[in-house]
Amino acid sequence: MDDEMVYRLYRCYMRSAPGMWATYDGYVEVRSPDKGEVFERAVRQLARTSFSDRPGMDSWRLERIELLE
């Protein structure tokens, strides 16, 4: 039996929570071993790149998740 974890590509549609900042309404593509981690991984990716001022999960609203591959 192979114990290797398989990471699949997901598209996470999300928007910024209301606040005193520019709004974001779009998606982030992330690799994740399961759908349950996609939103958190997407938030972390945004915090590392374009939105370092919004690293917390409460700064974002999940719209939907799609499996791409």
C-alpha atoms as a PDB file:
ATOM      1  CA  MET A   1       0.000   0.000   0.000  1.00  0.00           C
ATOM      2  CA  ASP A   2       1.274   3.471  -0.906  1.00  0.00           C
ATOM      3  CA  ASP A   3       1.182   5.998   1.958  1.00  0.00           C
ATOM      4  CA  GLU A   4       2.069   8.960  -0.265  1.00  0.00           C
ATOM      5  CA  MET A   5      -0.309  11.887   0.192  1.00  0.00           C
ATOM      6  CA  VAL A   6      -1.948  13.033  -3.044  1.00  0.00           C
ATOM      7  CA  TYR A   7      -2.316  16.776  -3.490  1.00  0.00           C
ATOM      8  CA  ARG A   8      -5.058  17.843  -5.873  1.00  0.00           C
ATOM      9  CA  LEU A   9      -5.584  21.222  -7.481  1.00  0.00           C
ATOM     10  CA  TYR A  10      -8.587  23.235  -6.283  1.00  0.00           C
ATOM     11  CA  ARG A  11      -9.996  26.638  -7.158  1.00  0.00           C
ATOM     12  CA  CYS A  12     -11.200  28.486  -4.074  1.00  0.00           C
ATOM     13  CA  TYR A  13     -13.651  31.318  -4.757  1.00  0.00           C
ATOM     14  CA  MET A  14     -13.588  33.880  -2.005  1.00  0.00           C
ATOM     15  CA  ARG A  15     -14.171  37.519  -1.173  1.00  0.00           C
ATOM     16  CA  SER A  16     -12.837  39.842   1.452  1.00  0.00           C
ATOM     17  CA  ALA A  17     -14.855  40.456   4.585  1.00  0.00           C
ATOM     18  CA  PRO A  18     -16.270  43.956   4.943  1.00  0.00           C
ATOM     19  CA  GLY A  19     -13.731  46.371   6.357  1.00  0.00           C
ATOM     20  CA  MET A  20     -11.676  49.458   5.786  1.00  0.00           C
ATOM     21  CA  TRP A  21      -9.668  48.031   2.899  1.00  0.00           C
ATOM     22  CA  ALA A  22     -10.023  47.416  -0.814  1.00  0.00           C
ATOM     23  CA  THR A  23     -12.401  44.589  -1.578  1.00  0.00           C
ATOM     24  CA  TYR A  24     -11.361  41.366  -3.265  1.00  0.00           C
ATOM     25  CA  ASP A  25     -13.748  39.060  -5.068  1.00  0.00           C
ATOM     26  CA  GLY A  26     -12.068  36.292  -7.010  1.00  0.00           C
ATOM     27  CA  TYR A  27     -10.382  32.948  -6.678  1.00  0.00           C
ATOM     28  CA  VAL A  28      -7.112  31.348  -5.652  1.00  0.00           C
ATOM     29  CA  GLU A  29      -5.819  28.044  -7.012  1.00  0.00           C
ATOM     30  CA  VAL A  30      -4.142  25.852  -4.408  1.00  0.00           C
ATOM     31  CA  ARG A  31      -2.948  22.274  -4.051  1.00  0.00           C
ATOM     32  CA  SER A  32      -4.327  20.433  -1.060  1.00  0.00           C
ATOM     33  CA  PRO A  33      -4.592  16.832   0.132  1.00  0.00           C
ATOM     34  CA  ASP A  34      -8.313  17.314   0.793  1.00  0.00           C
ATOM     35  CA  LYS A  35     -11.118  19.812   0.325  1.00  0.00           C
ATOM     36  CA  GLY A  36     -11.228  20.609   4.039  1.00  0.00           C
ATOM     37  CA  GLU A  37      -7.884  22.446   3.912  1.00  0.00           C
ATOM     38  CA  VAL A  38      -8.449  24.434   0.715  1.00  0.00           C
ATOM     39  CA  PHE A  39      -9.843  27.635   2.250  1.00  0.00           C
ATOM     40  CA  GLU A  40      -7.092  27.871   4.871  1.00  0.00           C
ATOM     41  CA  ARG A  41      -4.402  27.275   2.240  1.00  0.00           C
ATOM     42  CA  ALA A  42      -5.953  29.943  -0.006  1.00  0.00           C
ATOM     43  CA  VAL A  43      -5.971  32.480   2.846  1.00  0.00           C
ATOM     44  CA  ARG A  44      -2.320  31.701   3.633  1.00  0.00           C
ATOM     45  CA  GLN A  45      -1.391  32.122  -0.027  1.00  0.00           C
ATOM     46  CA  LEU A  46      -3.084  35.534  -0.201  1.00  0.00           C
ATOM     47  CA  ALA A  47      -1.386  36.576   3.060  1.00  0.00           C
ATOM     48  CA  ARG A  48       2.022  35.641   1.590  1.00  0.00           C
ATOM     49  CA  THR A  49       1.425  37.568  -1.634  1.00  0.00           C
ATOM     50  CA  SER A  50      -1.033  40.392  -2.279  1.00  0.00           C
ATOM     51  CA  PHE A  51      -2.804  40.742   1.068  1.00  0.00           C
ATOM     52  CA  SER A  52      -0.212  40.607   3.828  1.00  0.00           C
ATOM     53  CA  ASP A  53      -2.419  42.936   5.891  1.00  0.00           C
ATOM     54  CA  ARG A  54      -5.143  40.231   6.045  1.00  0.00           C
ATOM     55  CA  PRO A  55      -3.552  37.009   7.289  1.00  0.00           C
ATOM     56  CA  GLY A  56      -6.521  35.796   9.345  1.00  0.00           C
ATOM     57  CA  MET A  57      -9.331  33.505   8.284  1.00  0.00           C
ATOM     58  CA  ASP A  58     -11.859  36.039   9.612  1.00  0.00           C
ATOM     59  CA  SER A  59     -10.727  38.509   6.905  1.00  0.00           C
ATOM     60  CA  TRP A  60     -12.194  36.307   4.170  1.00  0.00           C
ATOM     61  CA  ARG A  61     -15.489  34.717   3.141  1.00  0.00           C
ATOM     62  CA  LEU A  62     -15.591  31.414   1.283  1.00  0.00           C
ATOM     63  CA  GLU A  63     -17.924  31.359  -1.716  1.00  0.00           C
ATOM     64  CA  ARG A  64     -17.265  27.886  -3.143  1.00  0.00           C
ATOM     65  CA  ILE A  65     -14.555  25.345  -3.966  1.00  0.00           C
ATOM     66  CA  GLU A  66     -14.041  23.508  -7.267  1.00  0.00           C
ATOM     67  CA  LEU A  67     -11.827  20.498  -7.893  1.00  0.00           C
ATOM     68  CA  LEU A  68      -9.719  21.149 -11.006  1.00  0.00           C
ATOM     69  CA  GLU A  69      -7.641  17.971 -11.235  1.00  0.00           C
END
